[in-house]
C-alpha atoms as a PDB file:
ATOM      1  CA  MET A   1     -85.425  21.352-189.980  1.00  0.00           C
ATOM      2  CA  SER A   2     -83.578  18.880-192.170  1.00  0.00           C
ATOM      3  CA  CYS A   3     -81.986  15.728-190.823  1.00  0.00           C
ATOM      4  CA  CYS A   4     -78.590  17.314-191.245  1.00  0.00           C
ATOM      5  CA  GLY A   5     -79.510  20.139-188.904  1.00  0.00           C
ATOM      6  CA  PRO A   6     -79.526  23.909-189.176  1.00  0.00           C
ATOM      7  CA  LYS A   7     -77.254  25.651-191.632  1.00  0.00           C
ATOM      8  CA  THR A   8     -75.795  27.728-188.792  1.00  0.00           C
ATOM      9  CA  THR A   9     -73.945  24.794-187.224  1.00  0.00           C
ATOM     10  CA  LEU A  10     -70.723  25.954-188.888  1.00  0.00           C
ATOM     11  CA  ASP A  11     -69.791  29.583-189.411  1.00  0.00           C
ATOM     12  CA  PRO A  12     -68.374  29.516-192.967  1.00  0.00           C
ATOM     13  CA  ALA A  13     -66.148  32.484-192.134  1.00  0.00           C
ATOM     14  CA  LEU A  14     -64.199  30.364-189.676  1.00  0.00           C
ATOM     15  CA  HIS A  15     -61.147  28.597-191.064  1.00  0.00           C
ATOM     16  CA  ARG A  16     -60.538  25.261-189.368  1.00  0.00           C
ATOM     17  CA  ASN A  17     -57.122  26.460-188.172  1.00  0.00           C
ATOM     18  CA  GLN A  18     -58.420  29.760-186.838  1.00  0.00           C
ATOM     19  CA  LYS A  19     -60.084  29.511-183.451  1.00  0.00           C
ATOM     20  CA  PRO A  20     -63.252  31.586-183.024  1.00  0.00           C
ATOM     21  CA  SER A  21     -63.688  34.271-180.406  1.00  0.00           C
ATOM     22  CA  TRP A  22     -65.636  32.000-178.050  1.00  0.00           C
ATOM     23  CA  ILE A  23     -62.653  29.640-177.619  1.00  0.00           C
ATOM     24  CA  LYS A  24     -60.827  31.564-174.934  1.00  0.00           C
ATOM     25  CA  VAL A  25     -58.856  30.450-171.883  1.00  0.00           C
ATOM     26  CA  ARG A  26     -58.022  32.694-168.943  1.00  0.00           C
ATOM     27  CA  LEU A  27     -54.542  32.343-167.511  1.00  0.00           C
ATOM     28  CA  PRO A  28     -54.217  31.616-163.771  1.00  0.00           C
ATOM     29  CA  ASN A  29     -54.206  34.544-161.375  1.00  0.00           C
ATOM     30  CA  ASP A  30     -55.392  32.763-158.242  1.00  0.00           C
ATOM     31  CA  PRO A  31     -52.959  31.443-155.590  1.00  0.00           C
ATOM     32  CA  THR A  32     -55.148  28.325-155.246  1.00  0.00           C
ATOM     33  CA  PHE A  33     -54.015  27.305-158.731  1.00  0.00           C
ATOM     34  CA  TRP A  34     -50.393  27.251-157.683  1.00  0.00           C
ATOM     35  CA  SER A  35     -51.087  25.504-154.371  1.00  0.00           C
ATOM     36  CA  THR A  36     -52.997  22.785-156.249  1.00  0.00           C
ATOM     37  CA  LYS A  37     -50.142  22.387-158.718  1.00  0.00           C
ATOM     38  CA  SER A  38     -47.710  22.148-155.813  1.00  0.00           C
ATOM     39  CA  LEU A  39     -49.849  19.498-154.104  1.00  0.00           C
ATOM     40  CA  VAL A  40     -50.049  17.370-157.260  1.00  0.00           C
ATOM     41  CA  THR A  41     -46.279  17.615-157.681  1.00  0.00           C
ATOM     42  CA  ASP A  42     -45.614  16.858-154.011  1.00  0.00           C
ATOM     43  CA  LEU A  43     -47.682  13.677-154.089  1.00  0.00           C
ATOM     44  CA  LYS A  44     -46.240  12.656-157.470  1.00  0.00           C
ATOM     45  CA  LEU A  45     -49.657  12.425-159.064  1.00  0.00           C
ATOM     46  CA  VAL A  46     -50.680  12.668-162.704  1.00  0.00           C
ATOM     47  CA  THR A  47     -53.703  14.717-163.725  1.00  0.00           C
ATOM     48  CA  VAL A  48     -55.625  14.433-166.952  1.00  0.00           C
ATOM     49  CA  CYS A  49     -55.852  18.218-166.715  1.00  0.00           C
ATOM     50  CA  GLU A  50     -52.218  18.448-167.807  1.00  0.00           C
ATOM     51  CA  GLU A  51     -51.752  15.242-169.784  1.00  0.00           C
ATOM     52  CA  ALA A  52     -54.757  15.878-172.037  1.00  0.00           C
ATOM     53  CA  GLN A  53     -53.989  19.614-172.311  1.00  0.00           C
ATOM     54  CA  CYS A  54     -57.442  20.447-170.968  1.00  0.00           C
ATOM     55  CA  PRO A  55     -58.313  24.094-171.746  1.00  0.00           C
ATOM     56  CA  ASN A  56     -60.030  24.443-168.379  1.00  0.00           C
ATOM     57  CA  ARG A  57     -57.174  23.378-166.134  1.00  0.00           C
ATOM     58  CA  TRP A  58     -56.434  26.967-165.125  1.00  0.00           C
ATOM     59  CA  GLU A  59     -60.015  27.513-163.983  1.00  0.00           C
ATOM     60  CA  CYS A  60     -60.442  24.137-162.284  1.00  0.00           C
ATOM     61  CA  TRP A  61     -57.120  24.291-160.458  1.00  0.00           C
ATOM     62  CA  SER A  62     -57.908  27.835-159.331  1.00  0.00           C
ATOM     63  CA  HIS A  63     -60.982  26.341-157.646  1.00  0.00           C
ATOM     64  CA  GLY A  64     -58.873  23.632-156.013  1.00  0.00           C
ATOM     65  CA  THR A  65     -60.262  20.764-158.100  1.00  0.00           C
ATOM     66  CA  ALA A  66     -58.521  18.258-160.350  1.00  0.00           C
ATOM     67  CA  THR A  67     -59.120  14.996-162.172  1.00  0.00           C
ATOM     68  CA  PHE A  68     -56.564  12.399-161.143  1.00  0.00           C
ATOM     69  CA  MET A  69     -55.227  10.062-163.811  1.00  0.00           C
ATOM     70  CA  ILE A  70     -54.063   6.807-162.288  1.00  0.00           C
ATOM     71  CA  ALA A  71     -52.043   3.933-163.777  1.00  0.00           C
ATOM     72  CA  GLY A  72     -49.421   6.203-165.354  1.00  0.00           C
ATOM     73  CA  GLU A  73     -49.338   8.694-168.204  1.00  0.00           C
ATOM     74  CA  LYS A  74     -48.545   6.284-171.067  1.00  0.00           C
ATOM     75  CA  CYS A  75     -51.500   4.846-172.952  1.00  0.00           C
ATOM     76  CA  THR A  76     -51.594   1.608-174.940  1.00  0.00           C
ATOM     77  CA  ARG A  77     -53.966   3.127-177.492  1.00  0.00           C
ATOM     78  CA  ALA A  78     -53.352   5.845-180.071  1.00  0.00           C
ATOM     79  CA  CYS A  79     -56.658   7.667-180.440  1.00  0.00           C
ATOM     80  CA  GLY A  80     -56.648  10.330-183.135  1.00  0.00           C
ATOM     81  CA  PHE A  81     -57.940  13.069-180.829  1.00  0.00           C
ATOM     82  CA  CYS A  82     -55.993  12.480-177.616  1.00  0.00           C
ATOM     83  CA  ALA A  83     -52.927  14.352-176.356  1.00  0.00           C
ATOM     84  CA  VAL A  84     -51.893  11.611-173.913  1.00  0.00           C
ATOM     85  CA  LYS A  85     -48.728   9.870-175.131  1.00  0.00           C
ATOM     86  CA  THR A  86     -48.867   6.364-176.576  1.00  0.00           C
ATOM     87  CA  ALA A  87     -46.047   4.129-175.318  1.00  0.00           C
ATOM     88  CA  LYS A  88     -45.295   0.988-173.350  1.00  0.00           C
ATOM     89  CA  PRO A  89     -46.684   1.761-169.872  1.00  0.00           C
ATOM     90  CA  ASP A  90     -44.662   1.605-166.676  1.00  0.00           C
ATOM     91  CA  PRO A  91     -45.580  -0.832-163.877  1.00  0.00           C
ATOM     92  CA  LEU A  92     -48.419   0.242-161.592  1.00  0.00           C
ATOM     93  CA  GLU A  93     -47.417   2.094-158.442  1.00  0.00           C
ATOM     94  CA  ALA A  94     -48.782   0.231-155.438  1.00  0.00           C
ATOM     95  CA  ASP A  95     -49.095   3.334-153.253  1.00  0.00           C
ATOM     96  CA  GLU A  96     -50.836   5.488-155.857  1.00  0.00           C
ATOM     97  CA  PRO A  97     -54.371   4.842-154.489  1.00  0.00           C
ATOM     98  CA  GLN A  98     -53.270   6.149-151.085  1.00  0.00           C
ATOM     99  CA  ARG A  99     -51.636   9.213-152.669  1.00  0.00           C
ATOM    100  CA  VAL A 100     -54.837  10.056-154.521  1.00  0.00           C
ATOM    101  CA  ALA A 101     -56.806   9.639-151.302  1.00  0.00           C
ATOM    102  CA  GLU A 102     -54.386  11.938-149.487  1.00  0.00           C
ATOM    103  CA  ALA A 103     -54.812  14.559-152.210  1.00  0.00           C
ATOM    104  CA  THR A 104     -58.600  14.491-151.859  1.00  0.00           C
ATOM    105  CA  ARG A 105     -58.183  14.880-148.098  1.00  0.00           C
ATOM    106  CA  ARG A 106     -55.813  17.828-148.341  1.00  0.00           C
ATOM    107  CA  MET A 107     -57.949  19.529-150.984  1.00  0.00           C
ATOM    108  CA  LYS A 108     -61.125  18.804-148.964  1.00  0.00           C
ATOM    109  CA  LEU A 109     -62.859  17.641-152.104  1.00  0.00           C
ATOM    110  CA  LYS A 110     -66.587  16.978-152.034  1.00  0.00           C
ATOM    111  CA  HIS A 111     -66.382  15.472-155.531  1.00  0.00           C
ATOM    112  CA  VAL A 112     -63.373  13.662-156.978  1.00  0.00           C
ATOM    113  CA  VAL A 113     -62.905  12.368-160.522  1.00  0.00           C
ATOM    114  CA  ILE A 114     -60.600   9.397-161.091  1.00  0.00           C
ATOM    115  CA  THR A 115     -59.629   8.391-164.615  1.00  0.00           C
ATOM    116  CA  ALA A 116     -56.871   6.374-166.276  1.00  0.00           C
ATOM    117  CA  VAL A 117     -55.122   5.663-169.525  1.00  0.00           C
ATOM    118  CA  ALA A 118     -56.057   2.485-171.383  1.00  0.00           C
ATOM    119  CA  ARG A 119     -53.910  -0.337-169.993  1.00  0.00           C
ATOM    120  CA  ASP A 120     -54.403  -3.124-172.511  1.00  0.00           C
ATOM    121  CA  ASP A 121     -51.086  -4.540-171.314  1.00  0.00           C
ATOM    122  CA  LEU A 122     -52.772  -5.607-168.075  1.00  0.00           C
ATOM    123  CA  ARG A 123     -55.103  -8.590-167.958  1.00  0.00           C
ATOM    124  CA  ASP A 124     -57.735  -6.606-166.058  1.00  0.00           C
ATOM    125  CA  GLY A 125     -57.099  -3.355-167.927  1.00  0.00           C
ATOM    126  CA  GLY A 126     -56.323  -1.640-164.627  1.00  0.00           C
ATOM    127  CA  ALA A 127     -59.672  -2.473-163.015  1.00  0.00           C
ATOM    128  CA  GLU A 128     -58.159  -3.641-159.726  1.00  0.00           C
ATOM    129  CA  HIS A 129     -56.174  -0.396-159.504  1.00  0.00           C
ATOM    130  CA  PHE A 130     -59.398   1.581-159.969  1.00  0.00           C
ATOM    131  CA  LYS A 131     -61.026  -0.499-157.236  1.00  0.00           C
ATOM    132  CA  GLN A 132     -58.176   0.117-154.803  1.00  0.00           C
ATOM    133  CA  THR A 133     -58.220   3.852-155.505  1.00  0.00           C
ATOM    134  CA  ILE A 134     -61.969   4.130-154.959  1.00  0.00           C
ATOM    135  CA  GLU A 135     -61.686   2.226-151.684  1.00  0.00           C
ATOM    136  CA  ALA A 136     -58.731   4.328-150.502  1.00  0.00           C
ATOM    137  CA  VAL A 137     -60.584   7.577-151.197  1.00  0.00           C
ATOM    138  CA  ARG A 138     -63.721   6.340-149.462  1.00  0.00           C
ATOM    139  CA  GLU A 139     -61.772   5.241-146.386  1.00  0.00           C
ATOM    140  CA  VAL A 140     -60.247   8.680-145.983  1.00  0.00           C
ATOM    141  CA  ASN A 141     -63.256  10.695-147.184  1.00  0.00           C
ATOM    142  CA  PRO A 142     -66.495   8.695-146.746  1.00  0.00           C
ATOM    143  CA  THR A 143     -68.700  11.642-147.767  1.00  0.00           C
ATOM    144  CA  THR A 144     -66.843  12.474-150.989  1.00  0.00           C
ATOM    145  CA  ILE A 145     -68.742  11.781-154.200  1.00  0.00           C
ATOM    146  CA  ILE A 146     -66.536   9.492-156.278  1.00  0.00           C
ATOM    147  CA  GLU A 147     -66.730   9.662-160.060  1.00  0.00           C
ATOM    148  CA  VAL A 148     -64.739   7.323-162.281  1.00  0.00           C
ATOM    149  CA  LEU A 149     -63.996   7.837-165.964  1.00  0.00           C
ATOM    150  CA  VAL A 150     -62.903   4.441-167.219  1.00  0.00           C
ATOM    151  CA  PRO A 151     -61.699   2.726-170.413  1.00  0.00           C
ATOM    152  CA  ASP A 152     -63.739  -0.156-171.827  1.00  0.00           C
ATOM    153  CA  PHE A 153     -61.595  -2.929-170.233  1.00  0.00           C
ATOM    154  CA  ASN A 154     -61.981  -4.710-173.599  1.00  0.00           C
ATOM    155  CA  ASP A 155     -65.532  -5.564-172.494  1.00  0.00           C
ATOM    156  CA  ARG A 156     -64.359  -8.021-169.845  1.00  0.00           C
ATOM    157  CA  ASP A 157     -67.333  -8.291-167.507  1.00  0.00           C
ATOM    158  CA  TRP A 158     -65.292  -9.533-164.564  1.00  0.00           C
ATOM    159  CA  ALA A 159     -62.979  -6.511-164.816  1.00  0.00           C
ATOM    160  CA  LEU A 160     -65.873  -4.074-164.984  1.00  0.00           C
ATOM    161  CA  GLN A 161     -67.434  -5.864-162.019  1.00  0.00           C
ATOM    162  CA  MET A 162     -64.308  -5.122-159.952  1.00  0.00           C
ATOM    163  CA  VAL A 163     -64.855  -1.407-160.449  1.00  0.00           C
ATOM    164  CA  MET A 164     -68.576  -1.543-159.778  1.00  0.00           C
ATOM    165  CA  ASP A 165     -68.064  -3.672-156.640  1.00  0.00           C
ATOM    166  CA  ALA A 166     -66.170  -0.675-155.237  1.00  0.00           C
ATOM    167  CA  ARG A 167     -69.392   1.309-155.803  1.00  0.00           C
ATOM    168  CA  PRO A 168     -68.415   4.594-157.421  1.00  0.00           C
ATOM    169  CA  HIS A 169     -71.267   7.086-157.255  1.00  0.00           C
ATOM    170  CA  ILE A 170     -70.879   8.208-160.874  1.00  0.00           C
ATOM    171  CA  PHE A 171     -69.706   5.888-163.657  1.00  0.00           C
ATOM    172  CA  ASN A 172     -68.387   7.683-166.736  1.00  0.00           C
ATOM    173  CA  HIS A 173     -67.286   6.132-170.013  1.00  0.00           C
ATOM    174  CA  ASN A 174     -67.144   8.360-173.078  1.00  0.00           C
ATOM    175  CA  ILE A 175     -68.333   7.299-176.504  1.00  0.00           C
ATOM    176  CA  GLU A 176     -66.385  10.391-177.722  1.00  0.00           C
ATOM    177  CA  THR A 177     -68.039  10.648-181.154  1.00  0.00           C
ATOM    178  CA  VAL A 178     -70.838   9.330-183.345  1.00  0.00           C
ATOM    179  CA  GLU A 179     -70.884   5.749-184.580  1.00  0.00           C
ATOM    180  CA  ARG A 180     -69.723   6.480-188.139  1.00  0.00           C
ATOM    181  CA  LEU A 181     -66.595   8.317-186.986  1.00  0.00           C
ATOM    182  CA  THR A 182     -65.611   5.934-184.187  1.00  0.00           C
ATOM    183  CA  PRO A 183     -63.127   3.843-186.239  1.00  0.00           C
ATOM    184  CA  LEU A 184     -61.333   7.036-187.284  1.00  0.00           C
ATOM    185  CA  VAL A 185     -61.360   8.764-183.904  1.00  0.00           C
ATOM    186  CA  ARG A 186     -60.921   5.987-181.328  1.00  0.00           C
ATOM    187  CA  SER A 187     -58.112   3.440-181.450  1.00  0.00           C
ATOM    188  CA  ARG A 188     -59.361  -0.139-180.829  1.00  0.00           C
ATOM    189  CA  ALA A 189     -62.582   1.157-179.251  1.00  0.00           C
ATOM    190  CA  GLN A 190     -65.984   0.207-180.617  1.00  0.00           C
ATOM    191  CA  TYR A 191     -69.136   2.304-180.469  1.00  0.00           C
ATOM    192  CA  GLN A 192     -71.489  -0.543-179.593  1.00  0.00           C
ATOM    193  CA  ARG A 193     -69.034  -1.976-177.079  1.00  0.00           C
ATOM    194  CA  SER A 194     -68.880   1.328-175.235  1.00  0.00           C
ATOM    195  CA  LEU A 195     -72.672   1.462-175.093  1.00  0.00           C
ATOM    196  CA  THR A 196     -72.731  -2.094-173.748  1.00  0.00           C
ATOM    197  CA  VAL A 197     -70.183  -1.231-171.042  1.00  0.00           C
ATOM    198  CA  LEU A 198     -72.348   1.695-169.909  1.00  0.00           C
ATOM    199  CA  LYS A 199     -75.472  -0.442-169.670  1.00  0.00           C
ATOM    200  CA  LYS A 200     -73.687  -3.324-167.926  1.00  0.00           C
ATOM    201  CA  ALA A 201     -72.215  -0.986-165.302  1.00  0.00           C
ATOM    202  CA  THR A 202     -75.685   0.229-164.367  1.00  0.00           C
ATOM    203  CA  ALA A 203     -77.065  -3.304-164.210  1.00  0.00           C
ATOM    204  CA  MET A 204     -74.202  -4.557-162.035  1.00  0.00           C
ATOM    205  CA  VAL A 205     -75.236  -2.241-159.199  1.00  0.00           C
ATOM    206  CA  LYS A 206     -78.958  -2.475-159.920  1.00  0.00           C
ATOM    207  CA  GLY A 207     -79.104   1.142-161.010  1.00  0.00           C
ATOM    208  CA  VAL A 208     -77.554   2.604-157.853  1.00  0.00           C
ATOM    209  CA  VAL A 209     -75.169   4.761-159.873  1.00  0.00           C
ATOM    210  CA  ALA A 210     -75.365   7.803-162.118  1.00  0.00           C
ATOM    211  CA  THR A 211     -74.131   6.790-165.577  1.00  0.00           C
ATOM    212  CA  LYS A 212     -72.389   9.438-167.656  1.00  0.00           C
ATOM    213  CA  SER A 213     -70.882   9.771-171.127  1.00  0.00           C
ATOM    214  CA  GLY A 214     -69.489  12.481-173.376  1.00  0.00           C
ATOM    215  CA  ILE A 215     -69.216  13.465-177.024  1.00  0.00           C
ATOM    216  CA  MET A 216     -66.750  15.773-178.797  1.00  0.00           C
ATOM    217  CA  LEU A 217     -68.195  17.881-181.597  1.00  0.00           C
ATOM    218  CA  GLY A 218     -66.418  19.343-184.582  1.00  0.00           C
ATOM    219  CA  LEU A 219     -64.944  16.148-186.026  1.00  0.00           C
ATOM    220  CA  GLY A 220     -67.296  16.041-189.003  1.00  0.00           C
ATOM    221  CA  GLU A 221     -70.364  14.514-187.390  1.00  0.00           C
ATOM    222  CA  ARG A 222     -73.809  15.261-188.847  1.00  0.00           C
ATOM    223  CA  TYR A 223     -76.686  16.726-186.870  1.00  0.00           C
ATOM    224  CA  ASP A 224     -78.804  13.611-187.238  1.00  0.00           C
ATOM    225  CA  GLU A 225     -75.890  11.430-186.090  1.00  0.00           C
ATOM    226  CA  VAL A 226     -75.524  13.451-182.894  1.00  0.00           C
ATOM    227  CA  LEU A 227     -79.212  13.030-182.123  1.00  0.00           C
ATOM    228  CA  GLN A 228     -78.929   9.305-182.812  1.00  0.00           C
ATOM    229  CA  ALA A 229     -76.049   9.134-180.326  1.00  0.00           C
ATOM    230  CA  PHE A 230     -78.309  10.793-177.738  1.00  0.00           C
ATOM    231  CA  ASP A 231     -80.945   8.111-178.357  1.00  0.00           C
ATOM    232  CA  ASP A 232     -78.358   5.337-178.173  1.00  0.00           C
ATOM    233  CA  LEU A 233     -77.033   6.606-174.825  1.00  0.00           C
ATOM    234  CA  ARG A 234     -80.513   6.910-173.325  1.00  0.00           C
ATOM    235  CA  ALA A 235     -81.336   3.391-174.536  1.00  0.00           C
ATOM    236  CA  HIS A 236     -78.294   2.210-172.567  1.00  0.00           C
ATOM    237  CA  ASP A 237     -79.317   3.897-169.292  1.00  0.00           C
ATOM    238  CA  VAL A 238     -77.041   6.943-169.486  1.00  0.00           C
ATOM    239  CA  THR A 239     -78.449   9.882-167.518  1.00  0.00           C
ATOM    240  CA  VAL A 240     -75.626  12.447-167.590  1.00  0.00           C
ATOM    241  CA  LEU A 241     -74.175  13.895-170.796  1.00  0.00           C
ATOM    242  CA  THR A 242     -71.285  16.223-171.651  1.00  0.00           C
ATOM    243  CA  LEU A 243     -70.839  17.910-175.024  1.00  0.00           C
ATOM    244  CA  GLY A 244     -67.710  19.878-175.932  1.00  0.00           C
ATOM    245  CA  GLN A 245     -65.722  21.193-178.864  1.00  0.00           C
ATOM    246  CA  TYR A 246     -62.861  19.050-180.150  1.00  0.00           C
ATOM    247  CA  LEU A 247     -59.605  21.015-180.111  1.00  0.00           C
ATOM    248  CA  ARG A 248     -56.625  19.644-182.006  1.00  0.00           C
ATOM    249  CA  PRO A 249     -53.707  18.959-179.618  1.00  0.00           C
ATOM    250  CA  SER A 250     -51.059  19.024-182.369  1.00  0.00           C
ATOM    251  CA  PRO A 251     -50.666  18.829-186.169  1.00  0.00           C
ATOM    252  CA  LYS A 252     -50.260  15.051-185.786  1.00  0.00           C
ATOM    253  CA  HIS A 253     -53.813  14.695-184.480  1.00  0.00           C
ATOM    254  CA  LEU A 254     -57.125  14.745-186.329  1.00  0.00           C
ATOM    255  CA  PRO A 255     -58.018  18.148-187.767  1.00  0.00           C
ATOM    256  CA  VAL A 256     -60.920  20.249-186.543  1.00  0.00           C
ATOM    257  CA  ILE A 257     -63.592  20.056-189.226  1.00  0.00           C
ATOM    258  CA  GLU A 258     -65.780  22.744-187.711  1.00  0.00           C
ATOM    259  CA  TYR A 259     -66.158  24.988-184.691  1.00  0.00           C
ATOM    260  CA  VAL A 260     -69.659  24.524-183.349  1.00  0.00           C
ATOM    261  CA  THR A 261     -71.273  27.737-182.187  1.00  0.00           C
ATOM    262  CA  PRO A 262     -72.368  28.320-178.574  1.00  0.00           C
ATOM    263  CA  GLU A 263     -75.932  28.627-179.876  1.00  0.00           C
ATOM    264  CA  MET A 264     -75.744  25.157-181.379  1.00  0.00           C
ATOM    265  CA  PHE A 265     -74.384  23.750-178.125  1.00  0.00           C
ATOM    266  CA  ALA A 266     -77.352  25.328-176.343  1.00  0.00           C
ATOM    267  CA  GLU A 267     -79.752  23.730-178.840  1.00  0.00           C
ATOM    268  CA  TYR A 268     -78.166  20.312-178.361  1.00  0.00           C
ATOM    269  CA  LYS A 269     -78.538  20.718-174.603  1.00  0.00           C
ATOM    270  CA  GLU A 270     -82.253  21.419-174.868  1.00  0.00           C
ATOM    271  CA  ILE A 271     -82.739  18.447-177.183  1.00  0.00           C
ATOM    272  CA  ALA A 272     -80.804  16.131-174.856  1.00  0.00           C
ATOM    273  CA  LEU A 273     -82.803  17.234-171.823  1.00  0.00           C
ATOM    274  CA  ALA A 274     -86.024  16.651-173.746  1.00  0.00           C
ATOM    275  CA  LYS A 275     -84.828  13.122-174.498  1.00  0.00           C
ATOM    276  CA  GLY A 276     -84.573  12.372-170.793  1.00  0.00           C
ATOM    277  CA  PHE A 277     -81.034  13.125-169.669  1.00  0.00           C
ATOM    278  CA  ARG A 278     -81.075  14.350-166.064  1.00  0.00           C
ATOM    279  CA  HIS A 279     -78.069  16.618-166.436  1.00  0.00           C
ATOM    280  CA  VAL A 280     -76.368  18.009-169.545  1.00  0.00           C
ATOM    281  CA  ALA A 281     -73.219  20.146-169.710  1.00  0.00           C
ATOM    282  CA  SER A 282     -72.878  21.539-173.233  1.00  0.00           C
ATOM    283  CA  GLY A 283     -70.505  24.209-174.490  1.00  0.00           C
ATOM    284  CA  PRO A 284     -67.334  24.783-176.518  1.00  0.00           C
ATOM    285  CA  LEU A 285     -64.964  24.333-173.557  1.00  0.00           C
ATOM    286  CA  VAL A 286     -66.911  21.618-171.735  1.00  0.00           C
ATOM    287  CA  ARG A 287     -64.930  18.462-171.003  1.00  0.00           C
ATOM    288  CA  SER A 288     -65.895  15.245-169.214  1.00  0.00           C
ATOM    289  CA  SER A 289     -64.766  16.508-165.826  1.00  0.00           C
ATOM    290  CA  TYR A 290     -65.495  20.205-166.288  1.00  0.00           C
ATOM    291  CA  HIS A 291     -67.582  21.447-163.337  1.00  0.00           C
ATOM    292  CA  ALA A 292     -68.256  17.801-162.519  1.00  0.00           C
ATOM    293  CA  ALA A 293     -69.424  18.789-159.044  1.00  0.00           C
ATOM    294  CA  ASP A 294     -72.233  20.893-160.548  1.00  0.00           C
ATOM    295  CA  PHE A 295     -74.105  17.643-161.138  1.00  0.00           C
ATOM    296  CA  ARG A 296     -76.158  16.540-158.174  1.00  0.00           C
ATOM    297  CA  PRO A 297     -76.488  12.738-158.238  1.00  0.00           C
ATOM    298  CA  GLU A 298     -79.910  11.158-158.119  1.00  0.00           C
ATOM    299  CA  LEU A 299     -81.519  10.344-154.800  1.00  0.00           C
ATOM    300  CA  ASP A 300     -80.443   6.703-154.899  1.00  0.00           C
ATOM    301  CA  VAL A 301     -76.806   7.746-155.271  1.00  0.00           C
ATOM    302  CA  LEU A 302     -77.119  10.110-152.326  1.00  0.00           C
ATOM    303  CA  GLU A 303     -78.590   7.234-150.329  1.00  0.00           C
ATOM    304  CA  ALA A 304     -75.512   5.184-151.232  1.00  0.00           C
ATOM    305  CA  ILE A 305     -73.293   7.959-149.865  1.00  0.00           C
ATOM    306  CA  GLU A 306     -75.272   8.012-146.633  1.00  0.00           C
ATOM    307  CA  ALA A 307     -74.841   4.241-146.381  1.00  0.00           C
ATOM    308  CA  ASP A 308     -71.081   4.703-146.701  1.00  0.00           C
ATOM    309  CA  VAL A 309     -71.110   7.187-143.833  1.00  0.00           C
ATOM    310  CA  ARG A 310     -73.147   4.864-141.623  1.00  0.00           C
ATOM    311  CA  ALA A 311     -70.789   1.975-142.404  1.00  0.00           C
ATOM    312  CA  ALA A 312     -67.767   4.110-141.532  1.00  0.00           C
ATOM    313  CA  LYS A 313     -69.304   5.084-138.190  1.00  0.00           C
ATOM    314  CA  GLU A 314     -70.089   1.454-137.361  1.00  0.00           C
ATOM    315  CA  GLN A 315     -66.496   0.434-138.077  1.00  0.00           C
ATOM    316  CA  ALA A 316     -65.050   3.278-135.972  1.00  0.00           C
END
């Protein structure tokens, strides 16, 4: 096999503007979908499911799960792939952490994902808001696995420490693409900085966290570059990986260069597992939070959850 990978990575019959048969989304036909949508509206919450036009929101909401996006729906960065609007953000809402916690309680979530837009307008990048949300969820639901999907906080260690002091069980920060394409794809973000953030987060809690990252395929990356990204993530203590197809949100965003076949996604998964990742979700419609609860955290993370429960009982 050449360094550029198998010739079957791209079906030449597929035009970049014509989606292949395997990119399909089922419309909602489950009442749970509508009850989840009603709950999100009632509590005035924002979900990345809607803001990022996630193709799986119908399925996830039908299962009563959602990824909450805190700190507003206006991002300070203009990444070439992202559907979230770029604008001057609104002030943080002080009661938002409690509203997210109430949503996890009502939905009886065993696994909650909390993410946010980039808030470069804030000195801490929104880190304190993340911390408050994690703590609010844990107070209401001490057994819920808490996953955070965070920006890079401009590599401010003290801001990252705020988040890690709140002890999320899963720490997720996406590198999004290979190193060569990062300047084109990610506004202000840096490939090496993202890797450093991932490694620092693990070190700050002495490894008592599952560290996760994700890559979009179809932006023009080469096979060898994808494998190098796998190696880079493993070298920075990442144990959970998601791989999905980039889908263009609008004509103003970066074009799809190729649609990667399901077979190629399966091959990447096997390669990633062989390189030491504990869990890999790989497929055309996979996103960072897709079936997040399918991942079972390592034993040390489960021990951390048990410690939370014991602490809650002692305080009661």
